[in-house]
PDB file of N, CA and C in Angstrom:
ATOM      1  N   UNK A   1      -7.494   5.491   2.335  1.00  0.00           N
ATOM      2  CA  UNK A   1      -7.127   4.857   0.862  1.00  0.00           C
ATOM      3  C   UNK A   1      -6.303   6.000   0.286  1.00  0.00           C
ATOM      4  N   UNK A   2      -5.047   5.066  -0.024  1.00  0.00           N
ATOM      5  CA  UNK A   2      -3.913   5.631  -0.799  1.00  0.00           C
ATOM      6  C   UNK A   2      -3.641   5.472  -1.798  1.00  0.00           C
ATOM      7  N   UNK A   3      -3.640   6.411  -2.912  1.00  0.00           N
ATOM      8  CA  UNK A   3      -3.412   5.847  -4.620  1.00  0.00           C
ATOM      9  C   UNK A   3      -1.678   6.770  -4.696  1.00  0.00           C
ATOM     10  N   UNK A   4      -0.952   5.919  -5.271  1.00  0.00           N
ATOM     11  CA  UNK A   4       0.442   5.994  -5.434  1.00  0.00           C
ATOM     12  C   UNK A   4       0.323   6.013  -6.814  1.00  0.00           C
ATOM     13  N   UNK A   5       1.159   7.089  -7.630  1.00  0.00           N
ATOM     14  CA  UNK A   5       1.327   7.597  -9.079  1.00  0.00           C
ATOM     15  C   UNK A   5       2.858   7.941  -9.177  1.00  0.00           C
ATOM     16  N   UNK A   6       3.166   7.407 -10.387  1.00  0.00           N
ATOM     17  CA  UNK A   6       4.679   7.378 -10.552  1.00  0.00           C
ATOM     18  C   UNK A   6       5.032   8.749 -11.460  1.00  0.00           C
ATOM     19  N   UNK A   7       5.686   9.535 -10.863  1.00  0.00           N
ATOM     20  CA  UNK A   7       5.987  10.986 -11.127  1.00  0.00           C
ATOM     21  C   UNK A   7       6.619  10.999 -12.548  1.00  0.00           C
ATOM     22  N   UNK A   8       7.547   9.671 -12.553  1.00  0.00           N
ATOM     23  CA  UNK A   8       8.463   9.867 -13.708  1.00  0.00           C
ATOM     24  C   UNK A   8       7.537  10.243 -14.914  1.00  0.00           C
ATOM     25  N   UNK A   9       5.979   9.462 -14.800  1.00  0.00           N
ATOM     26  CA  UNK A   9       5.247   9.623 -16.278  1.00  0.00           C
ATOM     27  C   UNK A   9       5.076  11.026 -16.819  1.00  0.00           C
ATOM     28  N   UNK A  10       4.840  12.087 -15.371  1.00  0.00           N
ATOM     29  CA  UNK A  10       4.572  13.537 -15.918  1.00  0.00           C
ATOM     30  C   UNK A  10       5.940  14.148 -16.213  1.00  0.00           C
ATOM     31  N   UNK A  11       6.871  13.670 -15.442  1.00  0.00           N
ATOM     32  CA  UNK A  11       8.046  14.359 -15.722  1.00  0.00           C
ATOM     33  C   UNK A  11       8.949  14.255 -16.859  1.00  0.00           C
ATOM     34  N   UNK A  12       9.101  13.197 -17.153  1.00  0.00           N
ATOM     35  CA  UNK A  12      10.300  12.499 -18.069  1.00  0.00           C
ATOM     36  C   UNK A  12       9.673  11.653 -19.132  1.00  0.00           C
ATOM     37  N   UNK A  13       8.310  11.393 -19.037  1.00  0.00           N
ATOM     38  CA  UNK A  13       7.393  10.761 -19.958  1.00  0.00           C
ATOM     39  C   UNK A  13       6.558  11.656 -20.714  1.00  0.00           C
ATOM     40  N   UNK A  14       6.235  12.670 -20.333  1.00  0.00           N
ATOM     41  CA  UNK A  14       5.397  13.544 -20.903  1.00  0.00           C
ATOM     42  C   UNK A  14       3.751  13.686 -20.902  1.00  0.00           C
ATOM     43  N   UNK A  15       3.714  12.408 -20.069  1.00  0.00           N
ATOM     44  CA  UNK A  15       2.101  12.360 -20.055  1.00  0.00           C
ATOM     45  C   UNK A  15       1.266  13.705 -19.085  1.00  0.00           C
ATOM     46  N   UNK A  16       0.435  13.768 -19.747  1.00  0.00           N
ATOM     47  CA  UNK A  16      -0.618  15.035 -19.047  1.00  0.00           C
ATOM     48  C   UNK A  16      -1.001  14.693 -17.747  1.00  0.00           C
ATOM     49  N   UNK A  17      -1.325  15.644 -16.938  1.00  0.00           N
ATOM     50  CA  UNK A  17      -1.996  15.318 -15.612  1.00  0.00           C
ATOM     51  C   UNK A  17      -3.463  14.928 -16.031  1.00  0.00           C
ATOM     52  N   UNK A  18      -4.508  15.164 -16.852  1.00  0.00           N
ATOM     53  CA  UNK A  18      -5.902  14.488 -17.040  1.00  0.00           C
ATOM     54  C   UNK A  18      -5.553  13.002 -17.226  1.00  0.00           C
ATOM     55  N   UNK A  19      -4.536  12.457 -18.190  1.00  0.00           N
ATOM     56  CA  UNK A  19      -4.142  10.982 -18.262  1.00  0.00           C
ATOM     57  C   UNK A  19      -3.667  10.468 -17.418  1.00  0.00           C
ATOM     58  N   UNK A  20      -3.067  11.135 -16.113  1.00  0.00           N
ATOM     59  CA  UNK A  20      -2.611  10.647 -15.202  1.00  0.00           C
ATOM     60  C   UNK A  20      -3.817  10.398 -14.229  1.00  0.00           C
ATOM     61  N   UNK A  21      -4.780  11.479 -14.244  1.00  0.00           N
ATOM     62  CA  UNK A  21      -5.704  11.371 -13.432  1.00  0.00           C
ATOM     63  C   UNK A  21      -7.052  10.199 -13.961  1.00  0.00           C
ATOM     64  N   UNK A  22      -7.036   9.875 -15.061  1.00  0.00           N
ATOM     65  CA  UNK A  22      -7.482   8.943 -15.722  1.00  0.00           C
ATOM     66  C   UNK A  22      -6.975   7.402 -14.999  1.00  0.00           C
ATOM     67  N   UNK A  23      -5.808   7.357 -15.064  1.00  0.00           N
ATOM     68  CA  UNK A  23      -5.180   6.119 -14.318  1.00  0.00           C
ATOM     69  C   UNK A  23      -5.486   6.087 -13.154  1.00  0.00           C
ATOM     70  N   UNK A  24      -5.258   7.185 -12.138  1.00  0.00           N
ATOM     71  CA  UNK A  24      -5.799   6.862 -10.692  1.00  0.00           C
ATOM     72  C   UNK A  24      -7.441   6.478 -10.629  1.00  0.00           C
ATOM     73  N   UNK A  25      -8.214   7.239 -11.564  1.00  0.00           N
ATOM     74  CA  UNK A  25      -9.810   6.154 -11.265  1.00  0.00           C
ATOM     75  C   UNK A  25      -9.842   4.895 -11.713  1.00  0.00           C
ATOM     76  N   UNK A  26      -9.000   4.671 -13.010  1.00  0.00           N
ATOM     77  CA  UNK A  26      -9.003   3.143 -13.069  1.00  0.00           C
ATOM     78  C   UNK A  26      -8.723   2.386 -12.055  1.00  0.00           C
ATOM     79  N   UNK A  27      -7.400   2.830 -11.537  1.00  0.00           N
ATOM     80  CA  UNK A  27      -7.187   2.233 -10.174  1.00  0.00           C
ATOM     81  C   UNK A  27      -7.768   1.740  -9.130  1.00  0.00           C
ATOM     82  N   UNK A  28      -8.446   2.983  -8.746  1.00  0.00           N
ATOM     83  CA  UNK A  28      -9.285   3.108  -7.494  1.00  0.00           C
ATOM     84  C   UNK A  28     -10.749   2.474  -7.811  1.00  0.00           C
ATOM     85  N   UNK A  29     -10.974   2.480  -9.037  1.00  0.00           N
ATOM     86  CA  UNK A  29     -12.466   1.894  -9.432  1.00  0.00           C
ATOM     87  C   UNK A  29     -12.264   0.115  -9.206  1.00  0.00           C
ATOM     88  N   UNK A  30     -11.133  -0.167  -9.874  1.00  0.00           N
ATOM     89  CA  UNK A  30     -10.780  -1.566  -9.856  1.00  0.00           C
ATOM     90  C   UNK A  30     -10.606  -2.164  -8.026  1.00  0.00           C
ATOM     91  N   UNK A  31      -9.706  -0.989  -7.643  1.00  0.00           N
ATOM     92  CA  UNK A  31      -9.545  -2.103  -6.265  1.00  0.00           C
ATOM     93  C   UNK A  31     -10.821  -1.864  -5.300  1.00  0.00           C
ATOM     94  N   UNK A  32     -11.557  -1.193  -5.529  1.00  0.00           N
ATOM     95  CA  UNK A  32     -13.044  -1.114  -4.836  1.00  0.00           C
ATOM     96  C   UNK A  32     -13.987  -2.128  -5.532  1.00  0.00           C
ATOM     97  N   UNK A  33     -13.980  -2.522  -6.505  1.00  0.00           N
ATOM     98  CA  UNK A  33     -14.769  -3.562  -7.016  1.00  0.00           C
ATOM     99  C   UNK A  33     -13.913  -4.943  -6.436  1.00  0.00           C
ATOM    100  N   UNK A  34     -12.555  -5.066  -6.739  1.00  0.00           N
ATOM    101  CA  UNK A  34     -12.385  -6.013  -6.123  1.00  0.00           C
ATOM    102  C   UNK A  34     -12.479  -6.456  -4.875  1.00  0.00           C
ATOM    103  N   UNK A  35     -12.681  -5.577  -3.723  1.00  0.00           N
ATOM    104  CA  UNK A  35     -12.561  -5.966  -2.679  1.00  0.00           C
ATOM    105  C   UNK A  35     -14.060  -5.313  -2.278  1.00  0.00           C
ATOM    106  N   UNK A  36     -14.869  -5.431  -2.712  1.00  0.00           N
ATOM    107  CA  UNK A  36     -16.186  -4.866  -2.643  1.00  0.00           C
ATOM    108  C   UNK A  36     -17.008  -5.479  -1.485  1.00  0.00           C
ATOM    109  N   UNK A  37     -16.541  -6.744  -0.989  1.00  0.00           N
ATOM    110  CA  UNK A  37     -17.228  -7.304  -0.001  1.00  0.00           C
ATOM    111  C   UNK A  37     -16.584  -7.316   1.789  1.00  0.00           C
ATOM    112  N   UNK A  38     -15.176  -6.554   1.690  1.00  0.00           N
ATOM    113  CA  UNK A  38     -14.268  -6.289   2.603  1.00  0.00           C
ATOM    114  C   UNK A  38     -15.245  -5.481   3.577  1.00  0.00           C
ATOM    115  N   UNK A  39     -14.877  -5.715   4.928  1.00  0.00           N
ATOM    116  CA  UNK A  39     -15.491  -4.713   5.886  1.00  0.00           C
ATOM    117  C   UNK A  39     -15.026  -3.266   6.014  1.00  0.00           C
ATOM    118  N   UNK A  40     -13.815  -2.941   5.442  1.00  0.00           N
ATOM    119  CA  UNK A  40     -13.193  -1.746   5.744  1.00  0.00           C
ATOM    120  C   UNK A  40     -13.724  -1.188   4.102  1.00  0.00           C
ATOM    121  N   UNK A  41     -13.669  -1.678   3.144  1.00  0.00           N
ATOM    122  CA  UNK A  41     -14.442  -1.084   2.128  1.00  0.00           C
ATOM    123  C   UNK A  41     -15.976  -0.696   2.247  1.00  0.00           C
ATOM    124  N   UNK A  42     -16.637  -1.955   2.616  1.00  0.00           N
ATOM    125  CA  UNK A  42     -18.417  -1.423   3.016  1.00  0.00           C
ATOM    126  C   UNK A  42     -17.931  -0.253   3.739  1.00  0.00           C
ATOM    127  N   UNK A  43     -17.432  -0.067   4.933  1.00  0.00           N
ATOM    128  CA  UNK A  43     -17.728   1.205   5.743  1.00  0.00           C
ATOM    129  C   UNK A  43     -17.050   2.253   4.732  1.00  0.00           C
ATOM    130  N   UNK A  44     -16.262   1.901   4.370  1.00  0.00           N
ATOM    131  CA  UNK A  44     -15.901   3.517   3.368  1.00  0.00           C
ATOM    132  C   UNK A  44     -16.823   3.792   2.311  1.00  0.00           C
ATOM    133  N   UNK A  45     -17.453   2.644   1.699  1.00  0.00           N
ATOM    134  CA  UNK A  45     -18.499   3.145   0.923  1.00  0.00           C
ATOM    135  C   UNK A  45     -19.859   3.519   1.278  1.00  0.00           C
ATOM    136  N   UNK A  46     -19.782   3.457   2.606  1.00  0.00           N
ATOM    137  CA  UNK A  46     -21.331   3.690   3.209  1.00  0.00           C
ATOM    138  C   UNK A  46     -21.329   4.902   3.661  1.00  0.00           C
ATOM    139  N   UNK A  47     -19.973   5.789   3.622  1.00  0.00           N
ATOM    140  CA  UNK A  47     -19.818   6.931   4.298  1.00  0.00           C
ATOM    141  C   UNK A  47     -19.385   7.995   3.229  1.00  0.00           C
ATOM    142  N   UNK A  48     -19.878   7.904   2.377  1.00  0.00           N
ATOM    143  CA  UNK A  48     -19.636   8.977   1.324  1.00  0.00           C
ATOM    144  C   UNK A  48     -19.245  10.347   1.710  1.00  0.00           C
ATOM    145  N   UNK A  49     -19.687  10.964   2.455  1.00  0.00           N
ATOM    146  CA  UNK A  49     -19.449  12.422   2.626  1.00  0.00           C
ATOM    147  C   UNK A  49     -18.135  12.390   3.312  1.00  0.00           C
ATOM    148  N   UNK A  50     -17.377  11.327   4.185  1.00  0.00           N
ATOM    149  CA  UNK A  50     -16.378  11.163   4.922  1.00  0.00           C
ATOM    150  C   UNK A  50     -15.000  10.579   4.267  1.00  0.00           C
ATOM    151  N   UNK A  51     -15.291  10.070   2.727  1.00  0.00           N
ATOM    152  CA  UNK A  51     -14.092   9.542   2.348  1.00  0.00           C
ATOM    153  C   UNK A  51     -12.949  10.373   2.342  1.00  0.00           C
ATOM    154  N   UNK A  52     -11.882   9.727   2.493  1.00  0.00           N
ATOM    155  CA  UNK A  52     -10.507  10.262   2.544  1.00  0.00           C
ATOM    156  C   UNK A  52      -9.837   9.391   1.591  1.00  0.00           C
ATOM    157  N   UNK A  53      -8.988  10.317   0.691  1.00  0.00           N
ATOM    158  CA  UNK A  53      -8.077   9.662  -0.035  1.00  0.00           C
ATOM    159  C   UNK A  53      -6.444  10.608   0.121  1.00  0.00           C
ATOM    160  N   UNK A  54      -5.289   9.454   0.308  1.00  0.00           N
ATOM    161  CA  UNK A  54      -4.375  10.335   0.363  1.00  0.00           C
ATOM    162  C   UNK A  54      -3.561  10.019  -1.518  1.00  0.00           C
ATOM    163  N   UNK A  55      -3.102  10.961  -2.280  1.00  0.00           N
ATOM    164  CA  UNK A  55      -2.552  10.692  -3.111  1.00  0.00           C
ATOM    165  C   UNK A  55      -0.665  11.043  -2.751  1.00  0.00           C
ATOM    166  N   UNK A  56      -0.125  10.062  -3.191  1.00  0.00           N
ATOM    167  CA  UNK A  56       1.617   9.864  -3.171  1.00  0.00           C
ATOM    168  C   UNK A  56       1.984   9.722  -4.353  1.00  0.00           C
ATOM    169  N   UNK A  57       3.381  10.166  -4.507  1.00  0.00           N
ATOM    170  CA  UNK A  57       4.083   9.772  -5.805  1.00  0.00           C
ATOM    171  C   UNK A  57       5.358   8.924  -5.534  1.00  0.00           C
ATOM    172  N   UNK A  58       5.443   8.215  -6.486  1.00  0.00           N
ATOM    173  CA  UNK A  58       6.877   7.319  -6.394  1.00  0.00           C
ATOM    174  C   UNK A  58       7.431   7.640  -7.557  1.00  0.00           C
ATOM    175  N   UNK A  59       8.756   7.235  -7.862  1.00  0.00           N
ATOM    176  CA  UNK A  59       9.744   7.694  -8.504  1.00  0.00           C
ATOM    177  C   UNK A  59       9.419   7.280  -9.922  1.00  0.00           C
ATOM    178  N   UNK A  60       9.235   6.326  -9.973  1.00  0.00           N
ATOM    179  CA  UNK A  60       9.189   5.203 -11.327  1.00  0.00           C
ATOM    180  C   UNK A  60       8.579   4.096 -11.073  1.00  0.00           C
ATOM    181  N   UNK A  61       8.908   2.945 -12.182  1.00  0.00           N
ATOM    182  CA  UNK A  61       8.129   1.801 -12.684  1.00  0.00           C
ATOM    183  C   UNK A  61       8.929   0.932 -11.482  1.00  0.00           C
ATOM    184  N   UNK A  62       9.856   0.949 -11.409  1.00  0.00           N
ATOM    185  CA  UNK A  62      10.823  -0.086 -10.047  1.00  0.00           C
ATOM    186  C   UNK A  62      10.152   0.440  -8.658  1.00  0.00           C
ATOM    187  N   UNK A  63      10.117   1.724  -8.404  1.00  0.00           N
ATOM    188  CA  UNK A  63       9.884   1.415  -7.121  1.00  0.00           C
ATOM    189  C   UNK A  63       7.896   1.559  -7.022  1.00  0.00           C
ATOM    190  N   UNK A  64       7.004   1.581  -8.309  1.00  0.00           N
ATOM    191  CA  UNK A  64       5.824   0.955  -8.048  1.00  0.00           C
ATOM    192  C   UNK A  64       5.737  -0.126  -8.125  1.00  0.00           C
ATOM    193  N   UNK A  65       6.542  -1.077  -8.611  1.00  0.00           N
ATOM    194  CA  UNK A  65       6.528  -2.319  -8.337  1.00  0.00           C
ATOM    195  C   UNK A  65       7.083  -3.225  -7.244  1.00  0.00           C
ATOM    196  N   UNK A  66       8.020  -2.425  -6.832  1.00  0.00           N
ATOM    197  CA  UNK A  66       8.608  -2.826  -5.381  1.00  0.00           C
ATOM    198  C   UNK A  66       7.443  -2.686  -4.245  1.00  0.00           C
ATOM    199  N   UNK A  67       6.722  -1.388  -4.544  1.00  0.00           N
ATOM    200  CA  UNK A  67       5.427  -1.214  -3.385  1.00  0.00           C
ATOM    201  C   UNK A  67       4.655  -2.291  -3.388  1.00  0.00           C
ATOM    202  N   UNK A  68       4.541  -2.693  -4.516  1.00  0.00           N
ATOM    203  CA  UNK A  68       3.423  -4.000  -4.774  1.00  0.00           C
ATOM    204  C   UNK A  68       3.831  -5.273  -4.310  1.00  0.00           C
ATOM    205  N   UNK A  69       5.059  -5.750  -4.714  1.00  0.00           N
ATOM    206  CA  UNK A  69       5.963  -6.606  -3.757  1.00  0.00           C
ATOM    207  C   UNK A  69       5.835  -6.704  -2.403  1.00  0.00           C
ATOM    208  N   UNK A  70       6.286  -5.320  -1.434  1.00  0.00           N
ATOM    209  CA  UNK A  70       6.146  -5.213  -0.425  1.00  0.00           C
ATOM    210  C   UNK A  70       4.482  -5.547   0.486  1.00  0.00           C
ATOM    211  N   UNK A  71       3.571  -4.852  -0.273  1.00  0.00           N
ATOM    212  CA  UNK A  71       2.117  -4.839  -0.064  1.00  0.00           C
ATOM    213  C   UNK A  71       1.631  -6.366   0.034  1.00  0.00           C
ATOM    214  N   UNK A  72       2.296  -7.252  -1.210  1.00  0.00           N
ATOM    215  CA  UNK A  72       2.154  -8.516  -1.156  1.00  0.00           C
ATOM    216  C   UNK A  72       2.717  -9.453  -0.219  1.00  0.00           C
ATOM    217  N   UNK A  73       3.939  -8.867   0.193  1.00  0.00           N
ATOM    218  CA  UNK A  73       4.602  -9.548   1.166  1.00  0.00           C
ATOM    219  C   UNK A  73       4.197  -9.360   2.811  1.00  0.00           C
ATOM    220  N   UNK A  74       3.681  -8.210   2.740  1.00  0.00           N
ATOM    221  CA  UNK A  74       2.985  -8.239   4.303  1.00  0.00           C
ATOM    222  C   UNK A  74       2.221  -9.137   5.118  1.00  0.00           C
ATOM    223  N   UNK A  75       1.961  -9.341   6.316  1.00  0.00           N
ATOM    224  CA  UNK A  75       1.311 -10.387   6.609  1.00  0.00           C
ATOM    225  C   UNK A  75       0.616  -9.704   7.441  1.00  0.00           C
ATOM    226  N   UNK A  76      -0.642 -10.071   7.189  1.00  0.00           N
ATOM    227  CA  UNK A  76      -1.350 -10.250   6.241  1.00  0.00           C
ATOM    228  C   UNK A  76      -0.940  -9.364   5.053  1.00  0.00           C
ATOM    229  N   UNK A  77      -1.144  -9.737   3.671  1.00  0.00           N
ATOM    230  CA  UNK A  77      -1.006  -8.941   2.438  1.00  0.00           C
ATOM    231  C   UNK A  77      -2.079  -7.610   2.512  1.00  0.00           C
ATOM    232  N   UNK A  78      -1.646  -6.716   1.596  1.00  0.00           N
ATOM    233  CA  UNK A  78      -2.258  -5.763   1.640  1.00  0.00           C
ATOM    234  C   UNK A  78      -3.052  -5.321   0.380  1.00  0.00           C
ATOM    235  N   UNK A  79      -4.484  -5.701   0.353  1.00  0.00           N
ATOM    236  CA  UNK A  79      -4.969  -5.736  -0.784  1.00  0.00           C
ATOM    237  C   UNK A  79      -5.032  -4.250  -1.684  1.00  0.00           C
ATOM    238  N   UNK A  80      -4.748  -4.380  -2.971  1.00  0.00           N
ATOM    239  CA  UNK A  80      -4.250  -3.087  -3.755  1.00  0.00           C
ATOM    240  C   UNK A  80      -4.687  -3.605  -5.242  1.00  0.00           C
ATOM    241  N   UNK A  81      -4.620  -2.593  -6.057  1.00  0.00           N
ATOM    242  CA  UNK A  81      -4.633  -3.106  -7.329  1.00  0.00           C
ATOM    243  C   UNK A  81      -3.218  -1.765  -8.197  1.00  0.00           C
ATOM    244  N   UNK A  82      -2.251  -2.822  -8.833  1.00  0.00           N
ATOM    245  CA  UNK A  82      -1.735  -2.058  -9.750  1.00  0.00           C
ATOM    246  C   UNK A  82      -2.507  -1.802 -11.141  1.00  0.00           C
ATOM    247  N   UNK A  83      -2.465  -0.438 -11.676  1.00  0.00           N
ATOM    248  CA  UNK A  83      -3.333  -0.666 -13.059  1.00  0.00           C
ATOM    249  C   UNK A  83      -1.825  -0.589 -13.746  1.00  0.00           C
ATOM    250  N   UNK A  84      -2.114  -1.356 -14.742  1.00  0.00           N
ATOM    251  CA  UNK A  84      -1.540  -1.426 -16.225  1.00  0.00           C
ATOM    252  C   UNK A  84      -1.903  -0.985 -17.409  1.00  0.00           C
ATOM    253  N   UNK A  85      -1.614   0.404 -17.995  1.00  0.00           N
ATOM    254  CA  UNK A  85      -2.436   1.063 -19.152  1.00  0.00           C
ATOM    255  C   UNK A  85      -1.856   0.089 -20.128  1.00  0.00           C
ATOM    256  N   UNK A  86      -3.161  -0.349 -20.864  1.00  0.00           N
ATOM    257  CA  UNK A  86      -2.871  -0.910 -22.152  1.00  0.00           C
ATOM    258  C   UNK A  86      -3.339  -0.157 -23.661  1.00  0.00           C
ATOM    259  N   UNK A  87      -2.854  -0.413 -24.763  1.00  0.00           N
ATOM    260  CA  UNK A  87      -2.155  -1.342 -25.340  1.00  0.00           C
ATOM    261  C   UNK A  87      -0.414  -1.288 -24.689  1.00  0.00           C
ATOM    262  N   UNK A  88      -0.361  -0.248 -23.883  1.00  0.00           N
ATOM    263  CA  UNK A  88       0.852  -0.203 -24.119  1.00  0.00           C
ATOM    264  C   UNK A  88       1.715  -0.827 -22.680  1.00  0.00           C
ATOM    265  N   UNK A  89       1.037  -1.333 -21.950  1.00  0.00           N
ATOM    266  CA  UNK A  89       1.208  -2.363 -20.804  1.00  0.00           C
ATOM    267  C   UNK A  89       2.589  -1.267 -19.889  1.00  0.00           C
ATOM    268  N   UNK A  90       1.913   0.019 -19.523  1.00  0.00           N
ATOM    269  CA  UNK A  90       2.570   0.546 -18.654  1.00  0.00           C
ATOM    270  C   UNK A  90       1.904   0.258 -17.316  1.00  0.00           C
ATOM    271  N   UNK A  91       2.658  -0.041 -16.492  1.00  0.00           N
ATOM    272  CA  UNK A  91       2.310   0.548 -15.020  1.00  0.00           C
ATOM    273  C   UNK A  91       2.168   1.787 -14.787  1.00  0.00           C
ATOM    274  N   UNK A  92       1.243   2.225 -14.438  1.00  0.00           N
ATOM    275  CA  UNK A  92       1.015   3.606 -13.823  1.00  0.00           C
ATOM    276  C   UNK A  92       0.742   4.040 -12.206  1.00  0.00           C
ATOM    277  N   UNK A  93      -0.075   3.413 -11.912  1.00  0.00           N
ATOM    278  CA  UNK A  93      -0.275   3.590 -10.333  1.00  0.00           C
ATOM    279  C   UNK A  93      -0.989   2.209  -9.357  1.00  0.00           C
ATOM    280  N   UNK A  94      -0.838   2.554  -8.495  1.00  0.00           N
ATOM    281  CA  UNK A  94      -1.693   1.496  -7.327  1.00  0.00           C
ATOM    282  C   UNK A  94      -2.426   2.214  -6.495  1.00  0.00           C
ATOM    283  N   UNK A  95      -3.265   1.346  -6.234  1.00  0.00           N
ATOM    284  CA  UNK A  95      -4.779   2.018  -5.241  1.00  0.00           C
ATOM    285  C   UNK A  95      -4.975   1.026  -4.398  1.00  0.00           C
ATOM    286  N   UNK A  96      -4.471   1.358  -3.081  1.00  0.00           N
ATOM    287  CA  UNK A  96      -5.020   0.489  -1.819  1.00  0.00           C
ATOM    288  C   UNK A  96      -6.156   0.419  -1.710  1.00  0.00           C
ATOM    289  N   UNK A  97      -6.714  -0.823  -1.226  1.00  0.00           N
ATOM    290  CA  UNK A  97      -8.311  -0.828  -0.758  1.00  0.00           C
ATOM    291  C   UNK A  97      -8.447   0.220   0.608  1.00  0.00           C
ATOM    292  N   UNK A  98      -9.599   0.722   0.937  1.00  0.00           N
ATOM    293  CA  UNK A  98      -9.759   1.411   2.055  1.00  0.00           C
ATOM    294  C   UNK A  98      -9.413   0.424   3.094  1.00  0.00           C
ATOM    295  N   UNK A  99      -8.369   1.440   3.737  1.00  0.00           N
ATOM    296  CA  UNK A  99      -7.627   0.314   5.074  1.00  0.00           C
ATOM    297  C   UNK A  99      -7.598   1.952   6.247  1.00  0.00           C
ATOM    298  N   UNK A 100      -6.875   1.138   7.480  1.00  0.00           N
ATOM    299  CA  UNK A 100      -6.528   1.991   8.440  1.00  0.00           C
ATOM    300  C   UNK A 100      -5.274   2.497   8.476  1.00  0.00           C
ATOM    301  N   UNK A 101      -4.422   2.631   7.803  1.00  0.00           N
ATOM    302  CA  UNK A 101      -3.202   2.711   7.419  1.00  0.00           C
ATOM    303  C   UNK A 101      -2.182   2.263   8.743  1.00  0.00           C
ATOM    304  N   UNK A 102      -2.568   0.833   8.925  1.00  0.00           N
ATOM    305  CA  UNK A 102      -1.693   0.358   9.817  1.00  0.00           C
ATOM    306  C   UNK A 102       0.008   0.256   9.691  1.00  0.00           C
ATOM    307  N   UNK A 103       0.505  -0.343  10.594  1.00  0.00           N
ATOM    308  CA  UNK A 103       2.325  -0.083  10.542  1.00  0.00           C
ATOM    309  C   UNK A 103       2.644  -0.958   8.797  1.00  0.00           C
ATOM    310  N   UNK A 104       2.072  -2.103   9.170  1.00  0.00           N
ATOM    311  CA  UNK A 104       2.518  -2.978   7.473  1.00  0.00           C
ATOM    312  C   UNK A 104       2.465  -1.946   6.484  1.00  0.00           C
ATOM    313  N   UNK A 105       1.637  -0.712   6.290  1.00  0.00           N
ATOM    314  CA  UNK A 105       1.059  -0.148   5.099  1.00  0.00           C
ATOM    315  C   UNK A 105       2.236   0.871   5.399  1.00  0.00           C
ATOM    316  N   UNK A 106       2.137   1.907   6.479  1.00  0.00           N
ATOM    317  CA  UNK A 106       3.287   2.379   6.407  1.00  0.00           C
ATOM    318  C   UNK A 106       4.872   2.283   6.416  1.00  0.00           C
ATOM    319  N   UNK A 107       5.128   1.276   6.491  1.00  0.00           N
ATOM    320  CA  UNK A 107       6.416   0.550   6.097  1.00  0.00           C
ATOM    321  C   UNK A 107       6.575   0.254   4.399  1.00  0.00           C
ATOM    322  N   UNK A 108       5.349  -0.299   4.104  1.00  0.00           N
ATOM    323  CA  UNK A 108       5.412  -0.444   2.729  1.00  0.00           C
ATOM    324  C   UNK A 108       5.727   0.809   1.862  1.00  0.00           C
ATOM    325  N   UNK A 109       5.206   1.877   2.440  1.00  0.00           N
ATOM    326  CA  UNK A 109       5.289   3.170   1.634  1.00  0.00           C
ATOM    327  C   UNK A 109       6.210   3.382   1.765  1.00  0.00           C
ATOM    328  N   UNK A 110       6.528   3.558   3.271  1.00  0.00           N
ATOM    329  CA  UNK A 110       8.324   4.410   3.257  1.00  0.00           C
ATOM    330  C   UNK A 110       9.470   3.206   2.323  1.00  0.00           C
ATOM    331  N   UNK A 111       9.088   2.472   2.777  1.00  0.00           N
ATOM    332  CA  UNK A 111      10.135   1.402   1.793  1.00  0.00           C
ATOM    333  C   UNK A 111      10.479   1.658   0.503  1.00  0.00           C
ATOM    334  N   UNK A 112       9.433   1.912  -0.126  1.00  0.00           N
ATOM    335  CA  UNK A 112       9.013   2.449  -1.379  1.00  0.00           C
ATOM    336  C   UNK A 112       9.630   3.260  -2.092  1.00  0.00           C
ATOM    337  N   UNK A 113       9.599   4.525  -0.872  1.00  0.00           N
ATOM    338  CA  UNK A 113      10.016   5.924  -1.052  1.00  0.00           C
ATOM    339  C   UNK A 113       8.643   6.718  -1.821  1.00  0.00           C
ATOM    340  N   UNK A 114       7.789   6.563  -1.007  1.00  0.00           N
ATOM    341  CA  UNK A 114       6.264   7.267  -1.687  1.00  0.00           C
ATOM    342  C   UNK A 114       6.303   8.471  -0.412  1.00  0.00           C
ATOM    343  N   UNK A 115       5.931   9.376  -1.201  1.00  0.00           N
ATOM    344  CA  UNK A 115       5.940  10.944  -0.711  1.00  0.00           C
ATOM    345  C   UNK A 115       4.622  11.580  -1.025  1.00  0.00           C
ATOM    346  N   UNK A 116       3.883  12.288  -0.418  1.00  0.00           N
ATOM    347  CA  UNK A 116       2.634  13.357  -0.622  1.00  0.00           C
ATOM    348  C   UNK A 116       2.853  13.444  -2.270  1.00  0.00           C
ATOM    349  N   UNK A 117       2.034  13.458  -3.228  1.00  0.00           N
ATOM    350  CA  UNK A 117       2.154  14.176  -4.276  1.00  0.00           C
ATOM    351  C   UNK A 117       2.237  15.802  -4.190  1.00  0.00           C
ATOM    352  N   UNK A 118       3.085  16.007  -4.854  1.00  0.00           N
ATOM    353  CA  UNK A 118       3.220  17.377  -4.708  1.00  0.00           C
ATOM    354  C   UNK A 118       2.931  18.245  -6.255  1.00  0.00           C
ATOM    355  N   UNK A 119       2.225  19.538  -5.639  1.00  0.00           N
ATOM    356  CA  UNK A 119       1.719  19.662  -7.248  1.00  0.00           C
ATOM    357  C   UNK A 119       2.591  20.248  -8.309  1.00  0.00           C
TER     358      UNK A 119
END
């Protein structure tokens, strides 16, 4: 499972780490709920001791939206949830449904400029 967070919210917009963690929790809960009947999600949820997540960063809103477009345009499309914080209407992060990180996911992450989150 991959979670992609906008780095600019921390560095340029002055969001704290706590509020960003809340955004990640929202997006993760949403995508798990939306895909609760999918085989990969069921397998992921059945093995709580071995859950794996990769937290990645992207530069800004534009690159986050680009990632969503690439995931939707993949064949087949990649289930994900882009969390949009309300009432500000600010896209903050994307959580991908549990997956095996196949080529279409790797390509989308690379094309959108996603990198591992750095402290």
